[in-house]
Amino acid sequence: MKIALIHFGNEENYGLLFAGGELLLFNQEIHFFDAEESGITSKIIKWGPDYLFFSPLTTFYSDSLKILQELKNEKPNIISAY
């Protein structure tokens, strides 16, 4: 299973780091993505995750919803969690 860990704002997102560590214990394939990077939705789709895990700061919540909508337009059955 491939899980995209998508962070906003602070590069040291401890929630996603913790989740990523736990997922690795269960032999899941993870990849961290910086949501503020140019062309991020294309990069995520190209990697082909089964799940999207978001951890935006409150300030970036609306931005995270925009990215999620773009990803859902490309891959409607993808599962997301906040």
Protein backbone atom coordinates (compact mmCIF):
# COMPACT_ATOMS: atom_id res chain seq x y z
CA MET A 1 0.00 0.00 0.00
CA LYS A 2 1.28 3.48 -0.89
CA ILE A 3 0.49 6.40 1.38
CA ALA A 4 1.22 10.04 0.52
CA LEU A 5 1.96 12.17 3.59
CA ILE A 6 1.21 15.77 2.60
CA HIS A 7 2.39 18.59 4.81
CA PHE A 8 1.82 22.34 4.80
CA GLY A 9 3.78 25.08 6.49
CA ASN A 10 6.25 23.75 9.01
CA GLU A 11 8.64 21.19 7.52
CA GLU A 12 8.89 19.44 10.86
CA ASN A 13 5.35 18.15 11.02
CA TYR A 14 5.53 15.84 14.00
CA GLY A 15 2.08 14.33 13.47
CA LEU A 16 2.97 13.11 10.00
CA LEU A 17 6.41 12.00 11.12
CA PHE A 18 4.83 9.88 13.84
CA ALA A 19 2.23 8.45 11.43
CA GLY A 20 4.94 7.71 8.87
CA GLY A 21 7.03 5.86 11.44
CA GLU A 22 4.09 3.73 12.48
CA LEU A 23 3.22 2.96 8.86
CA LEU A 24 6.80 1.84 8.20
CA LEU A 25 6.53 -0.60 11.12
CA PHE A 26 3.70 -2.26 9.16
CA ASN A 27 5.75 -2.34 5.93
CA GLN A 28 3.72 0.36 4.18
CA GLU A 29 5.30 2.48 1.45
CA ILE A 30 5.25 6.18 2.34
CA HIS A 31 6.37 9.38 0.70
CA PHE A 32 6.40 12.91 2.15
CA PHE A 33 5.18 15.73 -0.08
CA ASP A 34 5.51 19.46 0.53
CA ALA A 35 2.10 20.86 -0.41
CA GLU A 36 3.56 24.28 -1.14
CA GLU A 37 5.87 22.91 -3.84
CA SER A 38 5.08 23.84 -7.44
CA GLY A 39 3.12 21.18 -9.35
CA ILE A 40 2.46 19.14 -6.23
CA THR A 41 -0.75 17.47 -7.42
CA SER A 42 0.99 16.13 -10.54
CA LYS A 43 3.85 14.77 -8.44
CA ILE A 44 1.46 13.03 -6.06
CA ILE A 45 -0.61 11.50 -8.88
CA LYS A 46 2.57 10.36 -10.64
CA TRP A 47 3.71 8.55 -7.47
CA GLY A 48 0.32 6.79 -7.40
CA PRO A 49 -0.70 6.57 -3.75
CA ASP A 50 -3.65 4.55 -2.47
CA TYR A 51 -4.18 6.92 0.46
CA LEU A 52 -3.60 10.61 1.18
CA PHE A 53 -2.78 11.77 4.71
CA PHE A 54 -2.93 15.52 5.27
CA SER A 55 -1.69 17.43 8.26
CA PRO A 56 -2.27 21.10 7.55
CA LEU A 57 -2.00 23.83 10.10
CA THR A 58 -5.35 25.62 10.48
CA THR A 59 -4.08 28.45 8.30
CA PHE A 60 -3.63 26.06 5.37
CA TYR A 61 -6.84 24.05 5.73
CA SER A 62 -8.60 25.68 2.75
CA ASP A 63 -5.46 25.15 0.63
CA SER A 64 -5.45 21.48 1.58
CA LEU A 65 -9.06 21.14 0.44
CA LYS A 66 -8.15 22.64 -2.95
CA ILE A 67 -5.34 20.13 -3.39
CA LEU A 68 -7.60 17.29 -2.31
CA GLN A 69 -10.22 18.31 -4.87
CA GLU A 70 -7.60 18.39 -7.64
CA LEU A 71 -6.39 14.93 -6.61
CA LYS A 72 -9.95 13.57 -6.42
CA ASN A 73 -10.61 14.90 -9.93
CA GLU A 74 -7.68 12.80 -11.19
CA LYS A 75 -8.22 9.76 -8.98
CA PRO A 76 -11.81 9.78 -7.59
CA ASN A 77 -11.51 6.60 -5.51
CA ILE A 78 -8.46 7.69 -3.55
CA ILE A 79 -9.03 7.75 0.21
CA SER A 80 -7.98 10.77 2.26
CA ALA A 81 -7.58 11.44 5.97
CA TYR A 82 -6.89 14.58 7.98
